[in-house]
C-alpha cells in the first residue's frame, strides 16, 4: 500500500524528544493530498514521484487507471508537488493541512480516555489495554479461553482468544493488526469479539454459538506498540537488519509464492518481504499455531485498512481459484449487506484484479497451504474523505456495526453453499492436538 521507508524516515521526518527522552517521528505542517490517476500517463507520473524524492510518502496507492493515491508531502515540496501534477492534468485534493496536528489530537484523546480506565469503542486502545481486556473476558465468560499464537522479536506474545459455546463447531479464524498503523483493524476485531459475547441479536447469537472463533486483534505487536509510542505511520515488524533497517512487511513474509509479486527485496522498503520466507518470528510462530488447527478452520478473515474492499485469493496470479465463483458471489452478498446500515460502499474481487498483485500474504498461505477454501481480507474504512490511517474514533463503532452485518451474511451465504460441513470426528481429533495456553 505504501512506499514509506527508512530512508524517508531519516531524511524527511523531524524527530524530537519529549520530557522522558522518548523520540517521536513528527510530521509538523506536512500535508496530505488525494489524487486520482485518470490515464496511463498519470500512473507513470505518480510512479516517478514515489522514487524521485524523499519528501513524498505514499500512504495508499493503486496501480490502475481510476485508482486514487493518498500522499503525504513535506512543507518545502508543496509548490513543486502541486505544479508537477497540474502540468500533467491532475488536480490533487487537500485532505489535511497539518498531519501532525491530527496525530496529536488522536494521542491527546487517547491519553484522556486512558486515565478513566475505560475499554470501549469510542477511542483506540494500545496493546496493553487490549490484552488486559482479553484477560478480563476470560475471567468473565466460561466460553472464552486465552490462546498464545506465537511470539514477537521483542518477545511479546501474540495473544488471542478462543470463543466456544459447544464442541464440534466449525472454526472461524480472525486476524487483525498485521500492519501496525492500521488501528481500525484491532478496533474492529475487538468490537466483533465483544458483540459475539454480548449481543442479543438472533443472527449474531447464531454466529457466536454455532462456530468456534479464534480471534487475534494484533498479530504484529512490536509494530503496533511502535506505532503508538514512536511513529504513527509505522507499518512493519521491528526486526533489525544490516544497514540500519528495521522491520519487514509481515503480510509479504508468508511461505506461499513468497516475494513474487507486490513486494520488495530492499530492506528499506515498506513492502520488504524479509530475507526469506517466515524470517519474521511473529509470522513463523503464528503460522505454526494455525497449522496446529489444521482441519478445524473453515473460514479465515484478515482485517486491514484502508480502501473499503472485500478481497479474496489469488494475489500472486491473475489465475482464479477453483472456487472463485463462490468466493465472488459470497463477497457480493456480504458487501451488499454491509452497505445497508450506513450506505458504505465496498468493492470486491480477487486481490490481483481488485487492488494490485501481491504475494506472500497470510490469507494466500491459509488458502494455498492450509487448504482453507473460505479466505477473505477486509480493507476497512475509509475509501476517501478522511486522512487514511488516522481515522477519527467516532468511525470505530459504525465500522464495527457494518462489518458485523456483512460477516453475518458472509457466513450464511457460505453455509448455504455447503461450506462448514466437516464431521464431528475431525473436529474432536483436531481439538485433541491443539495446544492452547
Protein backbone atom coordinates (compact mmCIF):
# COMPACT_ATOMS: atom_id res chain seq x y z
CA UNK A 1 0.00 0.00 0.00
CA UNK A 2 2.80 2.40 0.88
CA UNK A 3 6.38 3.19 -0.06
CA UNK A 4 7.43 4.84 3.18
CA UNK A 5 10.92 3.54 4.02
CA UNK A 6 13.70 4.09 6.49
CA UNK A 7 15.49 6.49 4.18
CA UNK A 8 12.45 8.70 4.28
CA UNK A 9 12.26 8.21 8.00
CA UNK A 10 15.82 9.50 8.40
CA UNK A 11 15.65 12.37 5.90
CA UNK A 12 12.07 13.57 5.97
CA UNK A 13 10.71 13.28 9.46
CA UNK A 14 11.50 15.75 12.20
CA UNK A 15 12.47 13.81 15.31
CA UNK A 16 12.06 15.45 18.70
CA UNK A 17 12.40 14.33 22.31
CA UNK A 18 9.74 14.56 24.93
CA UNK A 19 10.36 15.10 28.62
CA UNK A 20 11.14 11.41 29.18
CA UNK A 21 13.70 11.27 26.38
CA UNK A 22 11.44 9.25 24.05
CA UNK A 23 11.86 10.05 20.37
CA UNK A 24 8.82 10.58 18.18
CA UNK A 25 8.64 10.87 14.42
CA UNK A 26 6.86 14.13 13.71
CA UNK A 27 5.00 15.41 10.67
CA UNK A 28 4.63 19.09 11.54
CA UNK A 29 2.92 21.01 8.71
CA UNK A 30 3.08 18.00 6.40
CA UNK A 31 0.05 17.98 4.13
CA UNK A 32 -1.96 15.01 2.91
CA UNK A 33 -3.28 15.07 -0.64
CA UNK A 34 -5.50 12.70 -2.57
CA UNK A 35 -5.09 12.38 -6.32
CA UNK A 36 -6.77 10.15 -8.91
CA UNK A 37 -4.87 8.66 -11.84
CA UNK A 38 -7.12 9.01 -14.89
CA UNK A 39 -4.66 7.83 -17.53
CA UNK A 40 -1.58 5.72 -18.07
CA UNK A 41 0.46 8.93 -18.14
CA UNK A 42 -0.88 9.85 -14.70
CA UNK A 43 0.17 6.45 -13.33
CA UNK A 44 3.63 6.95 -14.80
CA UNK A 45 3.94 10.39 -13.21
CA UNK A 46 2.91 9.13 -9.78
CA UNK A 47 5.24 6.15 -10.01
CA UNK A 48 8.08 8.56 -10.78
CA UNK A 49 7.19 10.72 -7.77
CA UNK A 50 7.34 7.69 -5.47
CA UNK A 51 11.05 7.30 -6.07
CA UNK A 52 12.11 10.79 -7.10
CA UNK A 53 12.07 12.47 -3.69
CA UNK A 54 12.29 11.58 -0.02
CA UNK A 55 9.70 14.27 0.66
CA UNK A 56 6.72 12.29 -0.66
CA UNK A 57 5.17 9.48 1.39
CA UNK A 58 2.61 7.38 -0.44
CA UNK A 59 0.18 6.09 2.17
CA UNK A 60 -2.26 4.44 -0.17
CA UNK A 61 -1.83 3.74 -3.84
CA UNK A 62 -3.14 1.61 -6.63
CA UNK A 63 -1.81 0.52 -9.97
CA UNK A 64 -4.72 1.01 -12.33
CA UNK A 65 -6.38 3.88 -14.14
CA UNK A 66 -9.05 5.30 -11.88
CA UNK A 67 -7.23 4.41 -8.66
CA UNK A 68 -6.68 7.06 -6.01
CA UNK A 69 -3.42 7.83 -4.23
CA UNK A 70 -3.00 9.36 -0.76
CA UNK A 71 0.29 11.20 -0.46
CA UNK A 72 1.97 12.97 2.46
CA UNK A 73 4.03 15.94 1.27
CA UNK A 74 6.78 17.77 3.15
CA UNK A 75 6.32 21.57 3.52
CA UNK A 76 9.19 22.57 1.24
CA UNK A 77 7.71 20.47 -1.60
CA UNK A 78 4.15 21.81 -1.65
CA UNK A 79 4.60 24.07 -4.66
CA UNK A 80 6.62 21.60 -6.72
CA UNK A 81 4.24 18.76 -5.95
CA UNK A 82 1.09 20.61 -6.98
CA UNK A 83 2.72 22.17 -10.04
CA UNK A 84 4.12 18.86 -11.30
CA UNK A 85 0.71 17.20 -11.07
CA UNK A 86 -1.19 20.11 -12.61
CA UNK A 87 1.25 20.08 -15.53
CA UNK A 88 0.01 16.54 -16.22
CA UNK A 89 -3.67 17.44 -15.82
CA UNK A 90 -4.01 16.11 -12.28
CA UNK A 91 -5.55 18.23 -9.55
CA UNK A 92 -4.78 16.94 -6.05
CA UNK A 93 -7.36 17.39 -3.30
CA UNK A 94 -6.06 18.67 0.02
CA UNK A 95 -7.10 16.29 2.82
CA UNK A 96 -5.12 17.64 5.79
CA UNK A 97 -3.05 20.82 6.19
CA UNK A 98 -1.09 19.57 9.20
CA UNK A 99 -0.80 15.82 9.66
CA UNK A 100 0.96 16.21 12.99
CA UNK A 101 -2.00 18.10 14.43
CA UNK A 102 -4.27 15.18 13.56
CA UNK A 103 -1.83 12.77 15.21
CA UNK A 104 -1.52 14.98 18.30
CA UNK A 105 -5.29 15.26 18.61
CA UNK A 106 -5.58 11.50 18.41
CA UNK A 107 -2.89 10.95 21.07
CA UNK A 108 -4.38 13.53 23.44
CA UNK A 109 -7.82 11.94 23.22
CA UNK A 110 -6.37 8.52 23.96
CA UNK A 111 -4.40 9.77 26.97
CA UNK A 112 -7.52 11.42 28.37
CA UNK A 113 -9.53 8.25 27.93
CA UNK A 114 -6.80 6.09 29.44
CA UNK A 115 -6.89 7.93 32.77
CA UNK A 116 -10.51 6.79 33.17
CA UNK A 117 -9.61 3.12 32.69
CA UNK A 118 -12.44 2.51 30.23
CA UNK A 119 -12.33 -0.04 27.42
CA UNK A 120 -14.92 0.77 24.80
CA UNK A 121 -15.12 1.66 21.13
CA UNK A 122 -15.20 5.44 21.38
CA UNK A 123 -11.40 5.55 21.21
CA UNK A 124 -8.42 3.46 20.09
CA UNK A 125 -6.50 1.33 22.60
CA UNK A 126 -2.87 0.35 22.92
CA UNK A 127 -1.62 -3.24 23.15
CA UNK A 128 -1.57 -3.45 26.94
CA UNK A 129 -5.16 -2.24 27.14
CA UNK A 130 -6.29 -4.77 24.55
CA UNK A 131 -4.53 -7.67 26.26
CA UNK A 132 -5.83 -6.66 29.69
CA UNK A 133 -9.34 -6.60 28.25
CA UNK A 134 -8.87 -10.07 26.71
CA UNK A 135 -7.74 -11.40 30.11
CA UNK A 136 -10.83 -9.85 31.69
CA UNK A 137 -13.09 -11.57 29.17
CA UNK A 138 -11.55 -14.93 30.04
CA UNK A 139 -12.43 -14.42 33.71
CA UNK A 140 -15.98 -13.26 32.98
CA UNK A 141 -17.05 -15.77 30.31
CA UNK A 142 -16.61 -19.51 30.56
CA UNK A 143 -16.76 -19.65 26.74
CA UNK A 144 -13.56 -17.58 26.41
CA UNK A 145 -10.06 -19.05 26.58
CA UNK A 146 -6.81 -17.13 26.18
CA UNK A 147 -4.62 -18.58 23.45
CA UNK A 148 -0.98 -17.97 22.61
CA UNK A 149 -0.49 -17.62 18.86
CA UNK A 150 3.27 -17.10 18.91
CA UNK A 151 5.84 -14.52 19.94
CA UNK A 152 7.46 -11.40 18.52
CA UNK A 153 11.05 -10.30 18.00
CA UNK A 154 10.82 -8.17 21.16
CA UNK A 155 9.38 -11.19 22.98
CA UNK A 156 5.77 -10.11 23.13
CA UNK A 157 3.02 -12.73 22.93
CA UNK A 158 0.63 -12.86 20.02
CA UNK A 159 -2.38 -13.03 22.31
CA UNK A 160 -5.80 -14.14 21.16
CA UNK A 161 -8.91 -15.80 22.44
CA UNK A 162 -10.93 -18.84 21.52
CA UNK A 163 -14.69 -18.44 21.92
CA UNK A 164 -16.57 -21.74 22.01
CA UNK A 165 -20.10 -22.42 23.19
CA UNK A 166 -20.08 -26.13 22.35
CA UNK A 167 -17.75 -28.79 20.99
CA UNK A 168 -17.81 -29.85 17.37
CA UNK A 169 -18.36 -26.40 15.90
CA UNK A 170 -16.67 -25.39 12.65
CA UNK A 171 -13.82 -22.95 13.19
CA UNK A 172 -13.55 -19.32 12.07
CA UNK A 173 -10.20 -17.57 12.37
CA UNK A 174 -9.87 -13.77 12.60
CA UNK A 175 -6.57 -11.95 12.35
CA UNK A 176 -6.12 -8.21 12.91
CA UNK A 177 -3.36 -5.65 13.11
CA UNK A 178 -0.80 -7.36 10.89
CA UNK A 179 0.10 -3.86 9.62
CA UNK A 180 0.89 -1.74 12.66
CA UNK A 181 -0.55 1.63 11.67
CA UNK A 182 -3.96 0.25 10.66
CA UNK A 183 -5.53 0.92 14.07
CA UNK A 184 -9.10 0.47 12.88
CA UNK A 185 -8.28 -3.22 12.35
CA UNK A 186 -7.71 -4.21 16.03
CA UNK A 187 -10.57 -1.89 16.99
CA UNK A 188 -12.97 -3.67 14.62
CA UNK A 189 -11.76 -7.12 15.66
CA UNK A 190 -12.34 -6.36 19.35
CA UNK A 191 -15.74 -4.86 18.52
CA UNK A 192 -16.79 -8.07 16.76
CA UNK A 193 -15.48 -10.16 19.66
CA UNK A 194 -17.48 -8.13 22.15
CA UNK A 195 -20.64 -8.50 20.07
CA UNK A 196 -20.20 -12.27 19.84
CA UNK A 197 -20.27 -12.36 23.63
CA UNK A 198 -22.85 -9.69 24.46
CA UNK A 199 -25.21 -9.14 21.52
CA UNK A 200 -28.82 -10.30 21.86
CA UNK A 201 -29.42 -10.15 18.11
CA UNK A 202 -30.55 -13.62 16.93
CA UNK A 203 -28.28 -13.67 13.90
CA UNK A 204 -25.22 -12.68 15.93
CA UNK A 205 -26.09 -15.24 18.60
CA UNK A 206 -26.27 -17.88 15.87
CA UNK A 207 -22.80 -16.89 14.74
CA UNK A 208 -21.41 -16.93 18.26
CA UNK A 209 -22.87 -20.23 19.38
CA UNK A 210 -22.58 -22.37 16.26
CA UNK A 211 -18.96 -21.64 15.34
CA UNK A 212 -15.73 -21.72 17.28
CA UNK A 213 -13.90 -18.40 16.98
CA UNK A 214 -10.13 -17.92 17.08
CA UNK A 215 -9.59 -14.17 17.33
CA UNK A 216 -6.28 -12.28 17.36
CA UNK A 217 -6.62 -8.46 17.48
CA UNK A 218 -2.92 -7.67 16.93
CA UNK A 219 -0.53 -10.16 15.31
CA UNK A 220 2.25 -7.59 14.85
CA UNK A 221 2.56 -6.47 18.49
CA UNK A 222 6.02 -4.87 18.23
CA UNK A 223 4.96 -2.77 15.27
CA UNK A 224 1.66 -1.82 16.92
CA UNK A 225 3.44 -0.64 20.07
CA UNK A 226 5.93 1.30 17.94
CA UNK A 227 3.10 2.99 16.04
CA UNK A 228 1.69 4.15 19.39
CA UNK A 229 4.95 5.18 21.01
CA UNK A 230 7.29 6.32 18.21
CA UNK A 231 5.88 6.65 14.67
CA UNK A 232 2.15 6.72 13.98
CA UNK A 233 2.69 5.65 10.36
CA UNK A 234 4.85 2.59 11.10
CA UNK A 235 3.72 -0.48 9.14
CA UNK A 236 6.23 -3.32 9.52
CA UNK A 237 7.70 -5.51 12.24
CA UNK A 238 10.68 -4.29 14.30
CA UNK A 239 13.32 -6.87 13.39
CA UNK A 240 16.70 -5.16 12.88
CA UNK A 241 18.50 -5.81 9.60
CA UNK A 242 22.00 -4.88 8.41
CA UNK A 243 22.47 -1.30 7.28
CA UNK A 244 20.27 0.30 9.91
CA UNK A 245 17.00 -1.10 8.55
CA UNK A 246 14.15 -2.20 10.78
CA UNK A 247 11.25 -4.47 10.03
CA UNK A 248 9.77 -6.49 7.22
CA UNK A 249 6.24 -6.39 5.89
CA UNK A 250 4.55 -9.21 7.84
CA UNK A 251 1.94 -9.62 5.12
CA UNK A 252 4.57 -10.33 2.47
CA UNK A 253 6.58 -12.78 4.58
CA UNK A 254 4.49 -15.97 4.33
CA UNK A 255 5.78 -19.05 2.53
CA UNK A 256 3.39 -19.14 -0.41
CA UNK A 257 4.74 -17.63 -3.63
CA UNK A 258 6.92 -15.51 -1.36
CA UNK A 259 8.32 -12.28 -2.88
CA UNK A 260 6.99 -12.98 -6.38
CA UNK A 261 4.56 -10.09 -6.66
CA UNK A 262 3.94 -6.75 -4.96
CA UNK A 263 6.91 -6.84 -2.63
CA UNK A 264 10.48 -5.60 -2.42
CA UNK A 265 13.87 -7.10 -1.62
CA UNK A 266 15.09 -3.72 -0.29
CA UNK A 267 15.06 -3.72 3.50
CA UNK A 268 14.25 0.00 3.47
CA UNK A 269 11.02 -0.54 1.54
CA UNK A 270 7.61 -0.66 3.15
CA UNK A 271 6.82 -3.85 1.23
CA UNK A 272 10.13 -5.56 2.14
CA UNK A 273 9.27 -9.27 2.15
CA UNK A 274 12.10 -10.18 4.50
CA UNK A 275 15.32 -12.01 3.56
CA UNK A 276 13.48 -15.34 3.31
CA UNK A 277 10.00 -16.79 3.94
CA UNK A 278 8.98 -16.66 7.60
CA UNK A 279 12.09 -14.68 8.52
CA UNK A 280 9.87 -12.76 10.95
CA UNK A 281 9.43 -14.75 14.14
CA UNK A 282 5.91 -13.35 14.52
CA UNK A 283 4.76 -14.92 11.26
CA UNK A 284 6.75 -18.12 11.72
CA UNK A 285 5.31 -18.87 15.15
CA UNK A 286 1.84 -17.66 14.19
CA UNK A 287 1.82 -19.96 11.15
CA UNK A 288 2.84 -22.85 13.40
CA UNK A 289 -0.12 -22.14 15.65
CA UNK A 290 -2.50 -22.00 12.68
CA UNK A 291 -1.05 -25.26 11.43
CA UNK A 292 -1.88 -26.86 14.80
CA UNK A 293 -5.54 -26.22 13.92
CA UNK A 294 -5.32 -27.89 10.52
CA UNK A 295 -8.72 -29.30 9.59
CA UNK A 296 -10.52 -27.19 12.17
CA UNK A 297 -10.59 -23.78 10.46
CA UNK A 298 -13.16 -23.38 7.70
CA UNK A 299 -13.04 -19.58 7.28
CA UNK A 300 -10.03 -17.28 7.59
CA UNK A 301 -10.52 -13.50 7.73
CA UNK A 302 -7.86 -10.80 7.86
CA UNK A 303 -8.72 -7.18 8.68
CA UNK A 304 -6.75 -4.31 7.15
CA UNK A 305 -7.26 -0.68 6.25
CA UNK A 306 -7.96 1.20 4.20
CA UNK A 307 -9.93 1.37 0.90
CA UNK A 308 -13.31 -0.31 1.55
CA UNK A 309 -12.61 -3.54 -0.25
CA UNK A 310 -13.51 -7.19 0.34
CA UNK A 311 -10.81 -9.31 -1.24
CA UNK A 312 -10.11 -13.00 -1.75
CA UNK A 313 -7.30 -15.10 -3.35
CA UNK A 314 -5.35 -15.03 -5.50
CA UNK A 315 -2.96 -12.13 -5.32
CA UNK A 316 0.14 -13.70 -6.83
CA UNK A 317 -1.52 -14.51 -10.16
CA UNK A 318 -4.44 -13.48 -12.34
CA UNK A 319 -5.46 -17.13 -12.43
CA UNK A 320 -8.65 -17.75 -10.47
CA UNK A 321 -9.08 -20.18 -7.60
CA UNK A 322 -11.10 -23.34 -8.14
CA UNK A 323 -13.98 -21.87 -6.10
CA UNK A 324 -13.65 -18.34 -7.47
CA UNK A 325 -17.33 -18.04 -8.33
CA UNK A 326 -18.37 -19.00 -4.80
CA UNK A 327 -15.90 -16.56 -3.27
CA UNK A 328 -17.08 -13.81 -5.59
CA UNK A 329 -20.80 -14.43 -5.01
CA UNK A 330 -20.36 -14.60 -1.23
CA UNK A 331 -18.35 -11.35 -1.30
CA UNK A 332 -21.05 -9.64 -3.37
CA UNK A 333 -23.72 -10.62 -0.86
CA UNK A 334 -21.53 -9.51 2.05
CA UNK A 335 -20.78 -6.03 0.67
CA UNK A 336 -24.45 -5.57 -0.21
CA UNK A 337 -25.33 -6.33 3.40
CA UNK A 338 -22.58 -4.03 4.67
CA UNK A 339 -23.96 -1.09 2.73
CA UNK A 340 -27.46 -1.31 4.14
CA UNK A 341 -26.82 0.30 7.53
CA UNK A 342 -24.83 3.42 6.60
CA UNK A 343 -24.59 3.30 2.82
CA UNK A 344 -20.88 2.46 2.92
CA UNK A 345 -19.82 1.19 -0.50
CA UNK A 346 -17.27 -1.61 -0.81
CA UNK A 347 -15.75 -3.06 -3.95
CA UNK A 348 -14.92 -6.75 -4.05
CA UNK A 349 -12.89 -9.25 -6.05
CA UNK A 350 -9.76 -11.34 -6.16
CA UNK A 351 -6.70 -9.48 -4.88
CA UNK A 352 -4.78 -9.47 -8.17
CA UNK A 353 -7.58 -7.78 -10.12
CA UNK A 354 -9.36 -5.74 -7.46
CA UNK A 355 -6.38 -3.94 -5.90
CA UNK A 356 -2.91 -4.97 -7.13
CA UNK A 357 -0.67 -8.05 -7.47
CA UNK A 358 0.66 -9.16 -4.09
CA UNK A 359 2.10 -12.43 -2.83
CA UNK A 360 3.33 -13.83 0.46
CA UNK A 361 0.25 -12.80 2.44
CA UNK A 362 -1.36 -14.63 5.33
CA UNK A 363 -4.65 -15.21 3.55
CA UNK A 364 -2.99 -16.65 0.45
CA UNK A 365 -0.99 -19.02 2.68
CA UNK A 366 -4.17 -20.04 4.54
CA UNK A 367 -5.82 -20.86 1.22
CA UNK A 368 -2.89 -22.38 -0.63
CA UNK A 369 -1.06 -24.23 2.15
CA UNK A 370 -3.69 -24.89 4.80
CA UNK A 371 -6.43 -25.68 2.31
CA UNK A 372 -8.92 -23.25 3.85
CA UNK A 373 -11.31 -22.57 0.99
CA UNK A 374 -13.02 -19.54 2.51
CA UNK A 375 -10.46 -16.74 2.84
CA UNK A 376 -11.27 -13.03 2.85
CA UNK A 377 -9.46 -9.78 3.53
CA UNK A 378 -11.36 -6.68 4.57
CA UNK A 379 -9.85 -3.30 3.74
CA UNK A 380 -11.91 -1.19 6.14
CA UNK A 381 -12.91 2.48 6.12
CA UNK A 382 -12.17 4.92 4.68
CA UNK A 383 -12.31 4.96 0.90
CA UNK A 384 -11.90 8.75 0.89
CA UNK A 385 -12.77 11.78 2.96
CA UNK A 386 -10.54 11.06 5.97
CA UNK A 387 -6.78 11.08 6.43
CA UNK A 388 -6.22 7.40 5.80
CA UNK A 389 -4.88 5.60 8.81
CA UNK A 390 -5.68 8.41 11.26
CA UNK A 391 -9.38 7.60 11.20
CA UNK A 392 -11.46 9.58 13.73
CA UNK A 393 -12.61 7.41 16.66
CA UNK A 394 -16.27 8.19 16.04
CA UNK A 395 -15.85 5.96 12.98
CA UNK A 396 -14.99 2.86 15.06
CA UNK A 397 -18.50 1.79 16.09
CA UNK A 398 -20.11 2.37 12.68
CA UNK A 399 -17.25 0.44 11.08
CA UNK A 400 -17.75 -2.41 13.54
CA UNK A 401 -21.51 -2.47 13.08
CA UNK A 402 -21.50 -2.60 9.29
CA UNK A 403 -18.64 -5.10 9.23
CA UNK A 404 -20.50 -7.43 11.58
CA UNK A 405 -23.58 -7.10 9.36
CA UNK A 406 -21.51 -8.26 6.41
CA UNK A 407 -19.94 -11.07 8.41
CA UNK A 408 -23.37 -12.46 9.31
CA UNK A 409 -24.24 -12.53 5.61
CA UNK A 410 -20.86 -13.92 4.58
CA UNK A 411 -21.14 -16.91 6.91
CA UNK A 412 -24.78 -17.53 5.99
CA UNK A 413 -24.04 -17.45 2.26
CA UNK A 414 -21.06 -19.77 2.68
CA UNK A 415 -23.12 -22.23 4.71
CA UNK A 416 -25.86 -22.21 2.05
CA UNK A 417 -23.21 -23.24 -0.49
CA UNK A 418 -22.20 -26.27 1.56
CA UNK A 419 -19.15 -24.92 3.34
CA UNK A 420 -18.62 -25.69 7.06
CA UNK A 421 -19.68 -29.33 6.54
CA UNK A 422 -16.97 -31.30 8.32
CA UNK A 423 -17.60 -34.30 10.54
CA UNK A 424 -17.51 -34.00 14.31
CA UNK A 425 -14.87 -36.75 14.47
CA UNK A 426 -12.46 -34.50 12.56
CA UNK A 427 -13.11 -31.63 14.96
CA UNK A 428 -12.57 -33.81 18.02
CA UNK A 429 -9.29 -35.09 16.61
CA UNK A 430 -8.09 -31.56 15.90
CA UNK A 431 -9.15 -30.35 19.35
CA UNK A 432 -7.01 -33.02 20.98
CA UNK A 433 -3.85 -31.93 19.20
CA UNK A 434 -4.50 -28.17 19.53
CA UNK A 435 -2.27 -26.62 22.20
CA UNK A 436 -3.90 -23.62 23.83
CA UNK A 437 -2.30 -21.75 26.72
